[in-house]
PDB file of all heavy atoms in Angstrom:
ATOM      1  N   CYS A   1      11.650   8.567   8.827  1.00  0.00           N
ATOM      2  CA  CYS A   1      12.692   9.857   8.862  1.00  0.00           C
ATOM      3  C   CYS A   1      12.408  10.647   7.711  1.00  0.00           C
ATOM      4  O   CYS A   1      11.743  10.380   6.798  1.00  0.00           O
ATOM      5  CB  CYS A   1      14.130   9.368   8.947  1.00  0.00           C
ATOM      6  SG  CYS A   1      14.890   8.898   7.177  1.00  0.00           S
ATOM      7  N   GLU A   2      12.914  11.893   7.819  1.00  0.00           N
ATOM      8  CA  GLU A   2      12.818  12.924   6.645  1.00  0.00           C
ATOM      9  C   GLU A   2      14.035  12.700   5.888  1.00  0.00           C
ATOM     10  O   GLU A   2      15.089  12.165   6.192  1.00  0.00           O
ATOM     11  CB  GLU A   2      12.776  14.367   7.332  1.00  0.00           C
ATOM     12  CG  GLU A   2      11.598  14.486   8.248  1.00  0.00           C
ATOM     13  CD  GLU A   2      10.246  14.456   7.412  1.00  0.00           C
ATOM     14  OE1 GLU A   2      10.224  14.792   6.306  1.00  0.00           O
ATOM     15  OE2 GLU A   2       9.332  13.916   8.134  1.00  0.00           O
ATOM     16  N   LEU A   3      13.966  13.288   4.693  1.00  0.00           N
ATOM     17  CA  LEU A   3      14.937  13.221   3.656  1.00  0.00           C
ATOM     18  C   LEU A   3      16.290  13.733   4.242  1.00  0.00           C
ATOM     19  O   LEU A   3      17.282  13.119   4.085  1.00  0.00           O
ATOM     20  CB  LEU A   3      14.676  14.110   2.444  1.00  0.00           C
ATOM     21  CG  LEU A   3      14.320  13.495   1.113  1.00  0.00           C
ATOM     22  CD1 LEU A   3      13.820  14.312   0.072  1.00  0.00           C
ATOM     23  CD2 LEU A   3      15.454  12.608   0.686  1.00  0.00           C
ATOM     24  N   GLU A   4      16.289  14.944   4.945  1.00  0.00           N
ATOM     25  CA  GLU A   4      17.464  15.511   5.400  1.00  0.00           C
ATOM     26  C   GLU A   4      18.234  14.611   6.495  1.00  0.00           C
ATOM     27  O   GLU A   4      19.355  14.725   6.685  1.00  0.00           O
ATOM     28  CB  GLU A   4      17.197  16.921   6.237  1.00  0.00           C
ATOM     29  CG  GLU A   4      16.704  18.006   5.230  1.00  0.00           C
ATOM     30  CD  GLU A   4      15.305  17.701   4.749  1.00  0.00           C
ATOM     31  OE1 GLU A   4      14.521  17.037   5.531  1.00  0.00           O
ATOM     32  OE2 GLU A   4      14.896  18.052   3.684  1.00  0.00           O
ATOM     33  N   ASP A   5      17.350  13.842   7.118  1.00  0.00           N
ATOM     34  CA  ASP A   5      18.025  12.797   8.155  1.00  0.00           C
ATOM     35  C   ASP A   5      18.940  11.776   7.608  1.00  0.00           C
ATOM     36  O   ASP A   5      19.798  11.191   8.223  1.00  0.00           O
ATOM     37  CB  ASP A   5      16.927  12.122   8.959  1.00  0.00           C
ATOM     38  CG  ASP A   5      15.963  13.097   9.661  1.00  0.00           C
ATOM     39  OD1 ASP A   5      16.466  14.218  10.103  1.00  0.00           O
ATOM     40  OD2 ASP A   5      14.801  12.816   9.786  1.00  0.00           O
ATOM     41  N   CYS A   6      18.521  11.234   6.346  1.00  0.00           N
ATOM     42  CA  CYS A   6      19.300  10.262   5.749  1.00  0.00           C
ATOM     43  C   CYS A   6      20.244  10.688   4.547  1.00  0.00           C
ATOM     44  O   CYS A   6      21.053   9.748   4.139  1.00  0.00           O
ATOM     45  CB  CYS A   6      18.440   9.052   5.304  1.00  0.00           C
ATOM     46  SG  CYS A   6      17.250   9.545   4.095  1.00  0.00           S
ATOM     47  N   LEU A   7      20.307  11.988   4.272  1.00  0.00           N
ATOM     48  CA  LEU A   7      21.111  12.234   3.196  1.00  0.00           C
ATOM     49  C   LEU A   7      22.544  12.610   3.560  1.00  0.00           C
ATOM     50  O   LEU A   7      22.713  13.401   4.560  1.00  0.00           O
ATOM     51  CB  LEU A   7      20.578  13.634   2.549  1.00  0.00           C
ATOM     52  CG  LEU A   7      21.069  14.210   1.234  1.00  0.00           C
ATOM     53  CD1 LEU A   7      20.902  13.189   0.034  1.00  0.00           C
ATOM     54  CD2 LEU A   7      20.457  15.572   0.902  1.00  0.00           C
ATOM     55  N   ILE A   8      23.462  11.851   3.076  1.00  0.00           N
ATOM     56  CA  ILE A   8      24.797  12.153   3.381  1.00  0.00           C
ATOM     57  C   ILE A   8      25.421  12.978   2.487  1.00  0.00           C
ATOM     58  O   ILE A   8      25.480  12.736   1.161  1.00  0.00           O
ATOM     59  CB  ILE A   8      25.707  10.769   3.489  1.00  0.00           C
ATOM     60  CG1 ILE A   8      25.019   9.899   4.501  1.00  0.00           C
ATOM     61  CG2 ILE A   8      27.138  11.046   3.886  1.00  0.00           C
ATOM     62  CD1 ILE A   8      25.754   8.429   4.436  1.00  0.00           C
ATOM     63  N   LYS A   9      25.818  14.262   2.840  1.00  0.00           N
ATOM     64  CA  LYS A   9      26.216  15.380   1.826  1.00  0.00           C
ATOM     65  C   LYS A   9      27.747  15.291   1.480  1.00  0.00           C
ATOM     66  O   LYS A   9      28.451  15.040   2.564  1.00  0.00           O
ATOM     67  CB  LYS A   9      25.871  16.681   2.418  1.00  0.00           C
ATOM     68  CG  LYS A   9      24.210  16.752   2.441  1.00  0.00           C
ATOM     69  CD  LYS A   9      23.806  18.287   2.529  1.00  0.00           C
ATOM     70  CE  LYS A   9      22.212  18.367   2.172  1.00  0.00           C
ATOM     71  NZ  LYS A   9      21.805  19.626   2.519  1.00  0.00           N
ATOM     72  N   GLU A  10      28.070  15.680   0.430  1.00  0.00           N
ATOM     73  CA  GLU A  10      29.496  15.826   0.063  1.00  0.00           C
ATOM     74  C   GLU A  10      30.283  14.631   0.373  1.00  0.00           C
ATOM     75  O   GLU A  10      31.371  14.806   1.099  1.00  0.00           O
ATOM     76  CB  GLU A  10      30.032  17.133   0.618  1.00  0.00           C
ATOM     77  CG  GLU A  10      29.394  18.426   0.133  1.00  0.00           C
ATOM     78  CD  GLU A  10      29.961  18.670  -1.360  1.00  0.00           C
ATOM     79  OE1 GLU A  10      31.039  18.816  -1.532  1.00  0.00           O
ATOM     80  OE2 GLU A  10      29.042  19.104  -2.203  1.00  0.00           O
ATOM     81  N   ILE A  11      29.905  13.479   0.017  1.00  0.00           N
ATOM     82  CA  ILE A  11      30.632  12.278   0.240  1.00  0.00           C
ATOM     83  C   ILE A  11      31.922  12.390  -0.581  1.00  0.00           C
ATOM     84  O   ILE A  11      33.045  11.804  -0.212  1.00  0.00           O
ATOM     85  CB  ILE A  11      29.836  11.043  -0.173  1.00  0.00           C
ATOM     86  CG1 ILE A  11      30.398   9.849   0.631  1.00  0.00           C
ATOM     87  CG2 ILE A  11      29.716  10.682  -1.524  1.00  0.00           C
ATOM     88  CD1 ILE A  11      29.445   8.791   0.817  1.00  0.00           C
ATOM     89  N   GLN A  12      31.898  13.079  -1.649  1.00  0.00           N
ATOM     90  CA  GLN A  12      33.091  13.674  -2.223  1.00  0.00           C
ATOM     91  C   GLN A  12      32.570  14.993  -2.879  1.00  0.00           C
ATOM     92  O   GLN A  12      31.453  15.194  -2.930  1.00  0.00           O
ATOM     93  CB  GLN A  12      33.689  12.701  -3.237  1.00  0.00           C
ATOM     94  CG  GLN A  12      32.915  12.432  -4.502  1.00  0.00           C
ATOM     95  CD  GLN A  12      33.632  11.511  -5.513  1.00  0.00           C
ATOM     96  OE1 GLN A  12      33.873  10.393  -5.153  1.00  0.00           O
ATOM     97  NE2 GLN A  12      33.860  12.120  -6.760  1.00  0.00           N
ATOM     98  N   PRO A  13      33.509  15.884  -3.381  1.00  0.00           N
ATOM     99  CA  PRO A  13      33.014  17.064  -3.877  1.00  0.00           C
ATOM    100  C   PRO A  13      31.863  16.943  -4.958  1.00  0.00           C
ATOM    101  O   PRO A  13      32.015  16.058  -5.822  1.00  0.00           O
ATOM    102  CB  PRO A  13      34.237  17.767  -4.469  1.00  0.00           C
ATOM    103  CG  PRO A  13      35.369  17.311  -3.613  1.00  0.00           C
ATOM    104  CD  PRO A  13      34.974  15.703  -3.416  1.00  0.00           C
ATOM    105  N   ASN A  14      30.753  17.606  -4.791  1.00  0.00           N
ATOM    106  CA  ASN A  14      29.622  17.483  -5.756  1.00  0.00           C
ATOM    107  C   ASN A  14      28.873  16.159  -5.586  1.00  0.00           C
ATOM    108  O   ASN A  14      27.844  16.096  -6.489  1.00  0.00           O
ATOM    109  CB  ASN A  14      30.040  17.658  -7.230  1.00  0.00           C
ATOM    110  CG  ASN A  14      30.649  19.094  -7.444  1.00  0.00           C
ATOM    111  OD1 ASN A  14      30.105  20.063  -7.009  1.00  0.00           O
ATOM    112  ND2 ASN A  14      31.741  19.154  -8.320  1.00  0.00           N
ATOM    113  N   LEU A  15      29.047  15.371  -4.783  1.00  0.00           N
ATOM    114  CA  LEU A  15      28.358  14.056  -4.717  1.00  0.00           C
ATOM    115  C   LEU A  15      27.788  13.748  -3.339  1.00  0.00           C
ATOM    116  O   LEU A  15      28.525  13.784  -2.234  1.00  0.00           O
ATOM    117  CB  LEU A  15      29.460  12.913  -4.961  1.00  0.00           C
ATOM    118  CG  LEU A  15      28.803  11.360  -5.065  1.00  0.00           C
ATOM    119  CD1 LEU A  15      27.576  11.316  -5.904  1.00  0.00           C
ATOM    120  CD2 LEU A  15      29.963  10.535  -5.378  1.00  0.00           C
ATOM    121  N   ASP A  16      26.421  13.672  -3.286  1.00  0.00           N
ATOM    122  CA  ASP A  16      25.664  13.293  -2.136  1.00  0.00           C
ATOM    123  C   ASP A  16      25.134  11.947  -2.182  1.00  0.00           C
ATOM    124  O   ASP A  16      25.078  11.396  -3.443  1.00  0.00           O
ATOM    125  CB  ASP A  16      24.450  14.178  -1.906  1.00  0.00           C
ATOM    126  CG  ASP A  16      24.853  15.714  -1.599  1.00  0.00           C
ATOM    127  OD1 ASP A  16      26.118  15.878  -1.408  1.00  0.00           O
ATOM    128  OD2 ASP A  16      24.004  16.596  -1.650  1.00  0.00           O
ATOM    129  N   LEU A  17      24.801  11.288  -1.188  1.00  0.00           N
ATOM    130  CA  LEU A  17      24.383   9.770  -1.103  1.00  0.00           C
ATOM    131  C   LEU A  17      23.231   9.783  -0.252  1.00  0.00           C
ATOM    132  O   LEU A  17      23.089  10.041   0.833  1.00  0.00           O
ATOM    133  CB  LEU A  17      25.472   8.819  -0.523  1.00  0.00           C
ATOM    134  CG  LEU A  17      25.194   7.441  -0.353  1.00  0.00           C
ATOM    135  CD1 LEU A  17      25.051   6.871  -1.617  1.00  0.00           C
ATOM    136  CD2 LEU A  17      26.333   6.876   0.426  1.00  0.00           C
ATOM    137  N   LEU A  18      22.239   8.946  -0.833  1.00  0.00           N
ATOM    138  CA  LEU A  18      21.213   8.378   0.047  1.00  0.00           C
ATOM    139  C   LEU A  18      21.574   6.963   0.172  1.00  0.00           C
ATOM    140  O   LEU A  18      21.474   6.064  -0.708  1.00  0.00           O
ATOM    141  CB  LEU A  18      19.684   8.447  -0.673  1.00  0.00           C
ATOM    142  CG  LEU A  18      18.893   9.640  -0.653  1.00  0.00           C
ATOM    143  CD1 LEU A  18      17.724   9.610  -1.456  1.00  0.00           C
ATOM    144  CD2 LEU A  18      18.644   9.965   0.962  1.00  0.00           C
ATOM    145  N   PRO A  19      22.028   6.649   1.448  1.00  0.00           N
ATOM    146  CA  PRO A  19      22.513   5.248   1.710  1.00  0.00           C
ATOM    147  C   PRO A  19      21.588   4.116   1.853  1.00  0.00           C
ATOM    148  O   PRO A  19      20.251   4.306   2.061  1.00  0.00           O
ATOM    149  CB  PRO A  19      23.295   5.317   3.005  1.00  0.00           C
ATOM    150  CG  PRO A  19      22.447   6.452   3.734  1.00  0.00           C
ATOM    151  CD  PRO A  19      21.938   7.353   2.698  1.00  0.00           C
ATOM    152  N   SER A  20      21.995   2.793   1.812  1.00  0.00           N
ATOM    153  CA  SER A  20      21.025   1.694   1.968  1.00  0.00           C
ATOM    154  C   SER A  20      21.842   0.673   2.734  1.00  0.00           C
ATOM    155  O   SER A  20      23.025   0.579   2.797  1.00  0.00           O
ATOM    156  CB  SER A  20      20.690   1.205   0.633  1.00  0.00           C
ATOM    157  OG  SER A  20      20.082  -0.099   0.727  1.00  0.00           O
ATOM    158  N   ASN A  21      21.009  -0.199   3.235  1.00  0.00           N
ATOM    159  CA  ASN A  21      21.623  -1.567   3.949  1.00  0.00           C
ATOM    160  C   ASN A  21      20.592  -2.600   3.864  1.00  0.00           C
ATOM    161  O   ASN A  21      19.572  -2.388   3.271  1.00  0.00           O
ATOM    162  CB  ASN A  21      22.250  -1.203   5.218  1.00  0.00           C
ATOM    163  CG  ASN A  21      21.196  -0.761   6.288  1.00  0.00           C
ATOM    164  OD1 ASN A  21      19.969  -1.011   6.077  1.00  0.00           O
ATOM    165  ND2 ASN A  21      21.597  -0.046   7.328  1.00  0.00           N
ATOM    166  N   VAL A  22      20.866  -3.717   4.500  1.00  0.00           N
ATOM    167  CA  VAL A  22      19.972  -4.871   4.422  1.00  0.00           C
ATOM    168  C   VAL A  22      18.587  -4.600   4.921  1.00  0.00           C
ATOM    169  O   VAL A  22      17.645  -5.314   4.441  1.00  0.00           O
ATOM    170  CB  VAL A  22      20.698  -6.053   5.207  1.00  0.00           C
ATOM    171  CG1 VAL A  22      20.579  -5.794   6.706  1.00  0.00           C
ATOM    172  CG2 VAL A  22      20.022  -7.423   4.678  1.00  0.00           C
ATOM    173  N   ASN A  23      18.388  -3.630   5.663  1.00  0.00           N
ATOM    174  CA  ASN A  23      17.052  -3.313   6.099  1.00  0.00           C
ATOM    175  C   ASN A  23      15.945  -3.089   4.953  1.00  0.00           C
ATOM    176  O   ASN A  23      14.820  -3.263   5.098  1.00  0.00           O
ATOM    177  CB  ASN A  23      16.899  -2.058   6.913  1.00  0.00           C
ATOM    178  CG  ASN A  23      17.581  -2.232   8.453  1.00  0.00           C
ATOM    179  OD1 ASN A  23      17.837  -3.321   8.755  1.00  0.00           O
ATOM    180  ND2 ASN A  23      18.057  -1.183   9.069  1.00  0.00           N
ATOM    181  N   LEU A  24      16.557  -2.573   3.786  1.00  0.00           N
ATOM    182  CA  LEU A  24      15.818  -2.288   2.743  1.00  0.00           C
ATOM    183  C   LEU A  24      15.077  -3.470   2.185  1.00  0.00           C
ATOM    184  O   LEU A  24      13.910  -3.369   1.467  1.00  0.00           O
ATOM    185  CB  LEU A  24      16.531  -1.680   1.588  1.00  0.00           C
ATOM    186  CG  LEU A  24      15.863  -1.081   0.360  1.00  0.00           C
ATOM    187  CD1 LEU A  24      14.906   0.035   0.743  1.00  0.00           C
ATOM    188  CD2 LEU A  24      16.876  -0.494  -0.679  1.00  0.00           C
ATOM    189  N   ALA A  25      15.578  -4.680   2.381  1.00  0.00           N
ATOM    190  CA  ALA A  25      15.000  -5.883   1.923  1.00  0.00           C
ATOM    191  C   ALA A  25      13.541  -6.074   2.539  1.00  0.00           C
ATOM    192  O   ALA A  25      12.556  -6.577   1.820  1.00  0.00           O
ATOM    193  CB  ALA A  25      15.726  -7.227   2.411  1.00  0.00           C
ATOM    194  N   GLY A  26      13.377  -5.520   3.749  1.00  0.00           N
ATOM    195  CA  GLY A  26      12.092  -5.577   4.435  1.00  0.00           C
ATOM    196  C   GLY A  26      10.985  -4.667   3.799  1.00  0.00           C
ATOM    197  O   GLY A  26       9.780  -4.846   4.013  1.00  0.00           O
ATOM    198  N   ALA A  27      11.438  -3.635   2.950  1.00  0.00           N
ATOM    199  CA  ALA A  27      10.631  -2.678   2.405  1.00  0.00           C
ATOM    200  C   ALA A  27       9.553  -3.232   1.391  1.00  0.00           C
ATOM    201  O   ALA A  27       8.470  -2.795   1.152  1.00  0.00           O
ATOM    202  CB  ALA A  27      11.455  -1.589   1.898  1.00  0.00           C
ATOM    203  N   GLU A  28      10.069  -4.373   0.745  1.00  0.00           N
ATOM    204  CA  GLU A  28       9.134  -5.089  -0.223  1.00  0.00           C
ATOM    205  C   GLU A  28       7.844  -5.322   0.348  1.00  0.00           C
ATOM    206  O   GLU A  28       6.891  -5.036  -0.281  1.00  0.00           O
ATOM    207  CB  GLU A  28       9.906  -6.280  -0.718  1.00  0.00           C
ATOM    208  CG  GLU A  28      11.016  -6.231  -1.647  1.00  0.00           C
ATOM    209  CD  GLU A  28      10.512  -5.874  -3.126  1.00  0.00           C
ATOM    210  OE1 GLU A  28       9.441  -6.192  -3.527  1.00  0.00           O
ATOM    211  OE2 GLU A  28      11.305  -5.313  -3.771  1.00  0.00           O
ATOM    212  N   ILE A  29       7.823  -5.894   1.600  1.00  0.00           N
ATOM    213  CA  ILE A  29       6.625  -6.364   2.144  1.00  0.00           C
ATOM    214  C   ILE A  29       5.816  -5.169   2.707  1.00  0.00           C
ATOM    215  O   ILE A  29       4.503  -5.006   2.423  1.00  0.00           O
ATOM    216  CB  ILE A  29       6.927  -7.259   3.498  1.00  0.00           C
ATOM    217  CG1 ILE A  29       7.584  -8.559   2.720  1.00  0.00           C
ATOM    218  CG2 ILE A  29       5.567  -7.562   4.176  1.00  0.00           C
ATOM    219  CD1 ILE A  29       8.299  -9.362   3.876  1.00  0.00           C
ATOM    220  N   GLU A  30       6.588  -4.152   3.255  1.00  0.00           N
ATOM    221  CA  GLU A  30       5.858  -2.957   3.799  1.00  0.00           C
ATOM    222  C   GLU A  30       5.266  -2.147   2.684  1.00  0.00           C
ATOM    223  O   GLU A  30       4.220  -1.582   2.836  1.00  0.00           O
ATOM    224  CB  GLU A  30       6.710  -2.162   4.627  1.00  0.00           C
ATOM    225  CG  GLU A  30       7.174  -2.966   5.828  1.00  0.00           C
ATOM    226  CD  GLU A  30       8.058  -2.089   6.884  1.00  0.00           C
ATOM    227  OE1 GLU A  30       7.590  -1.019   7.335  1.00  0.00           O
ATOM    228  OE2 GLU A  30       9.222  -2.565   7.165  1.00  0.00           O
ATOM    229  N   LEU A  31       5.942  -2.132   1.411  1.00  0.00           N
ATOM    230  CA  LEU A  31       5.445  -1.308   0.319  1.00  0.00           C
ATOM    231  C   LEU A  31       4.092  -1.839  -0.092  1.00  0.00           C
ATOM    232  O   LEU A  31       3.250  -1.081  -0.557  1.00  0.00           O
ATOM    233  CB  LEU A  31       6.480  -1.308  -0.776  1.00  0.00           C
ATOM    234  CG  LEU A  31       7.632  -0.419  -0.664  1.00  0.00           C
ATOM    235  CD1 LEU A  31       8.549  -0.607  -1.742  1.00  0.00           C
ATOM    236  CD2 LEU A  31       7.173   1.108  -0.822  1.00  0.00           C
ATOM    237  N   LEU A  32       3.931  -3.139  -0.021  1.00  0.00           N
ATOM    238  CA  LEU A  32       2.597  -3.750  -0.534  1.00  0.00           C
ATOM    239  C   LEU A  32       1.342  -3.239   0.044  1.00  0.00           C
ATOM    240  O   LEU A  32       0.441  -3.187  -0.515  1.00  0.00           O
ATOM    241  CB  LEU A  32       2.699  -5.248  -0.230  1.00  0.00           C
ATOM    242  CG  LEU A  32       3.666  -6.019  -1.178  1.00  0.00           C
ATOM    243  CD1 LEU A  32       3.721  -7.532  -0.638  1.00  0.00           C
ATOM    244  CD2 LEU A  32       3.186  -5.980  -2.629  1.00  0.00           C
ATOM    245  N   GLU A  33       1.492  -2.626   1.255  1.00  0.00           N
ATOM    246  CA  GLU A  33       0.435  -2.223   2.072  1.00  0.00           C
ATOM    247  C   GLU A  33       0.139  -0.776   1.893  1.00  0.00           C
ATOM    248  O   GLU A  33      -0.767  -0.141   2.403  1.00  0.00           O
ATOM    249  CB  GLU A  33       0.579  -2.498   3.601  1.00  0.00           C
ATOM    250  CG  GLU A  33       0.619  -4.025   3.987  1.00  0.00           C
ATOM    251  CD  GLU A  33       1.094  -4.317   5.361  1.00  0.00           C
ATOM    252  OE1 GLU A  33       1.196  -3.342   6.159  1.00  0.00           O
ATOM    253  OE2 GLU A  33       1.100  -5.601   5.643  1.00  0.00           O
ATOM    254  N   MET A  34       1.066  -0.077   1.194  1.00  0.00           N
ATOM    255  CA  MET A  34       0.944   1.456   1.113  1.00  0.00           C
ATOM    256  C   MET A  34       0.209   1.766  -0.171  1.00  0.00           C
ATOM    257  O   MET A  34       0.192   1.140  -1.155  1.00  0.00           O
ATOM    258  CB  MET A  34       2.392   1.994   0.891  1.00  0.00           C
ATOM    259  CG  MET A  34       3.315   1.763   2.169  1.00  0.00           C
ATOM    260  SD  MET A  34       4.877   2.656   1.859  1.00  0.00           S
ATOM    261  CE  MET A  34       5.818   2.145   3.364  1.00  0.00           C
ATOM    262  N   GLU A  35      -0.465   2.928  -0.011  1.00  0.00           N
ATOM    263  CA  GLU A  35      -1.049   3.576  -1.266  1.00  0.00           C
ATOM    264  C   GLU A  35       0.070   4.061  -2.048  1.00  0.00           C
ATOM    265  O   GLU A  35       1.061   4.389  -1.535  1.00  0.00           O
ATOM    266  CB  GLU A  35      -1.938   4.809  -0.878  1.00  0.00           C
ATOM    267  CG  GLU A  35      -3.215   4.406  -0.209  1.00  0.00           C
ATOM    268  CD  GLU A  35      -4.054   5.574   0.097  1.00  0.00           C
ATOM    269  OE1 GLU A  35      -4.217   6.522  -0.749  1.00  0.00           O
ATOM    270  OE2 GLU A  35      -4.625   5.678   1.253  1.00  0.00           O
ATOM    271  N   ASN A  36      -0.200   4.096  -3.423  1.00  0.00           N
ATOM    272  CA  ASN A  36       0.863   4.560  -4.318  1.00  0.00           C
ATOM    273  C   ASN A  36       2.210   3.818  -4.102  1.00  0.00           C
ATOM    274  O   ASN A  36       3.283   4.375  -4.204  1.00  0.00           O
ATOM    275  CB  ASN A  36       1.014   6.073  -4.127  1.00  0.00           C
ATOM    276  CG  ASN A  36       1.992   6.751  -5.152  1.00  0.00           C
ATOM    277  OD1 ASN A  36       1.974   6.104  -6.288  1.00  0.00           O
ATOM    278  ND2 ASN A  36       2.673   7.765  -4.916  1.00  0.00           N
ATOM    279  N   LYS A  37       2.040   2.604  -3.915  1.00  0.00           N
ATOM    280  CA  LYS A  37       3.341   1.809  -3.478  1.00  0.00           C
ATOM    281  C   LYS A  37       4.429   1.850  -4.532  1.00  0.00           C
ATOM    282  O   LYS A  37       5.636   1.615  -4.224  1.00  0.00           O
ATOM    283  CB  LYS A  37       2.938   0.274  -3.280  1.00  0.00           C
ATOM    284  CG  LYS A  37       2.323  -0.487  -4.320  1.00  0.00           C
ATOM    285  CD  LYS A  37       1.998  -1.804  -3.800  1.00  0.00           C
ATOM    286  CE  LYS A  37       1.126  -2.603  -4.795  1.00  0.00           C
ATOM    287  NZ  LYS A  37      -0.190  -2.299  -5.044  1.00  0.00           N
ATOM    288  N   GLU A  38       4.113   2.037  -5.843  1.00  0.00           N
ATOM    289  CA  GLU A  38       5.158   2.049  -6.842  1.00  0.00           C
ATOM    290  C   GLU A  38       5.801   3.486  -6.966  1.00  0.00           C
ATOM    291  O   GLU A  38       6.675   3.613  -7.667  1.00  0.00           O
ATOM    292  CB  GLU A  38       4.525   1.761  -8.261  1.00  0.00           C
ATOM    293  CG  GLU A  38       3.864   0.381  -8.312  1.00  0.00           C
ATOM    294  CD  GLU A  38       2.410   0.341  -8.056  1.00  0.00           C
ATOM    295  OE1 GLU A  38       2.027   1.493  -7.569  1.00  0.00           O
ATOM    296  OE2 GLU A  38       1.854  -0.722  -8.260  1.00  0.00           O
ATOM    297  N   GLY A  39       5.102   4.511  -6.312  1.00  0.00           N
ATOM    298  CA  GLY A  39       5.624   5.804  -6.564  1.00  0.00           C
ATOM    299  C   GLY A  39       6.198   6.445  -5.294  1.00  0.00           C
ATOM    300  O   GLY A  39       6.410   7.735  -5.313  1.00  0.00           O
ATOM    301  N   ILE A  40       6.498   5.833  -4.306  1.00  0.00           N
ATOM    302  CA  ILE A  40       7.080   6.298  -2.984  1.00  0.00           C
ATOM    303  C   ILE A  40       8.374   6.993  -3.235  1.00  0.00           C
ATOM    304  O   ILE A  40       8.563   8.095  -2.796  1.00  0.00           O
ATOM    305  CB  ILE A  40       7.106   5.275  -1.872  1.00  0.00           C
ATOM    306  CG1 ILE A  40       5.768   4.451  -1.582  1.00  0.00           C
ATOM    307  CG2 ILE A  40       7.742   5.870  -0.702  1.00  0.00           C
ATOM    308  CD1 ILE A  40       4.884   5.302  -0.826  1.00  0.00           C
ATOM    309  N   LEU A  41       9.280   6.305  -3.968  1.00  0.00           N
ATOM    310  CA  LEU A  41      10.656   6.910  -4.151  1.00  0.00           C
ATOM    311  C   LEU A  41      10.443   8.134  -5.070  1.00  0.00           C
ATOM    312  O   LEU A  41      11.098   9.164  -4.713  1.00  0.00           O
ATOM    313  CB  LEU A  41      11.591   5.958  -4.883  1.00  0.00           C
ATOM    314  CG  LEU A  41      12.953   6.406  -5.159  1.00  0.00           C
ATOM    315  CD1 LEU A  41      13.724   6.719  -3.720  1.00  0.00           C
ATOM    316  CD2 LEU A  41      13.825   5.443  -5.896  1.00  0.00           C
ATOM    317  N   ARG A  42       9.497   8.096  -6.003  1.00  0.00           N
ATOM    318  CA  ARG A  42       9.414   9.258  -6.891  1.00  0.00           C
ATOM    319  C   ARG A  42       8.934  10.532  -6.056  1.00  0.00           C
ATOM    320  O   ARG A  42       9.380  11.622  -6.202  1.00  0.00           O
ATOM    321  CB  ARG A  42       8.328   9.059  -7.944  1.00  0.00           C
ATOM    322  CG  ARG A  42       8.082  10.279  -8.825  1.00  0.00           C
ATOM    323  CD  ARG A  42       7.362  10.026 -10.115  1.00  0.00           C
ATOM    324  NE  ARG A  42       6.064   9.426 -10.058  1.00  0.00           N
ATOM    325  CZ  ARG A  42       5.394   8.999 -10.870  1.00  0.00           C
ATOM    326  NH1 ARG A  42       5.780   9.039 -12.252  1.00  0.00           N
ATOM    327  NH2 ARG A  42       4.153   8.418 -10.829  1.00  0.00           N
ATOM    328  N   TYR A  43       7.914  10.298  -5.113  1.00  0.00           N
ATOM    329  CA  TYR A  43       7.484  11.315  -4.202  1.00  0.00           C
ATOM    330  C   TYR A  43       8.617  12.008  -3.525  1.00  0.00           C
ATOM    331  O   TYR A  43       8.607  13.314  -3.369  1.00  0.00           O
ATOM    332  CB  TYR A  43       6.506  10.577  -3.283  1.00  0.00           C
ATOM    333  CG  TYR A  43       6.177  11.500  -2.113  1.00  0.00           C
ATOM    334  CD1 TYR A  43       5.096  12.629  -2.275  1.00  0.00           C
ATOM    335  CD2 TYR A  43       6.718  11.434  -0.810  1.00  0.00           C
ATOM    336  CE1 TYR A  43       4.805  13.449  -1.228  1.00  0.00           C
ATOM    337  CE2 TYR A  43       6.381  12.294   0.332  1.00  0.00           C
ATOM    338  CZ  TYR A  43       5.345  13.234  -0.012  1.00  0.00           C
ATOM    339  OH  TYR A  43       5.035  14.087   1.015  1.00  0.00           O
ATOM    340  N   TYR A  44       9.637  11.225  -2.976  1.00  0.00           N
ATOM    341  CA  TYR A  44      10.626  11.901  -2.227  1.00  0.00           C
ATOM    342  C   TYR A  44      11.617  12.540  -3.239  1.00  0.00           C
ATOM    343  O   TYR A  44      12.215  13.684  -2.835  1.00  0.00           O
ATOM    344  CB  TYR A  44      11.274  10.916  -1.227  1.00  0.00           C
ATOM    345  CG  TYR A  44      10.544  10.548  -0.060  1.00  0.00           C
ATOM    346  CD1 TYR A  44       9.875   9.248   0.040  1.00  0.00           C
ATOM    347  CD2 TYR A  44      10.341  11.499   0.884  1.00  0.00           C
ATOM    348  CE1 TYR A  44       9.129   9.053   1.137  1.00  0.00           C
ATOM    349  CE2 TYR A  44       9.557  11.244   2.020  1.00  0.00           C
ATOM    350  CZ  TYR A  44       9.036  10.036   2.047  1.00  0.00           C
ATOM    351  OH  TYR A  44       8.206   9.783   3.217  1.00  0.00           O
TER     352      TYR A  44
END
């Protein structure tokens, strides 16, 4: 997905959220196969 798809805006005034759930646990394995695996979050 794109950033705009997962960004929850104004969860309270001045505060936005990038949410998470248990699916993120699987990212550990998928990140291993990516280029620049340590810098994916920084990229976004």
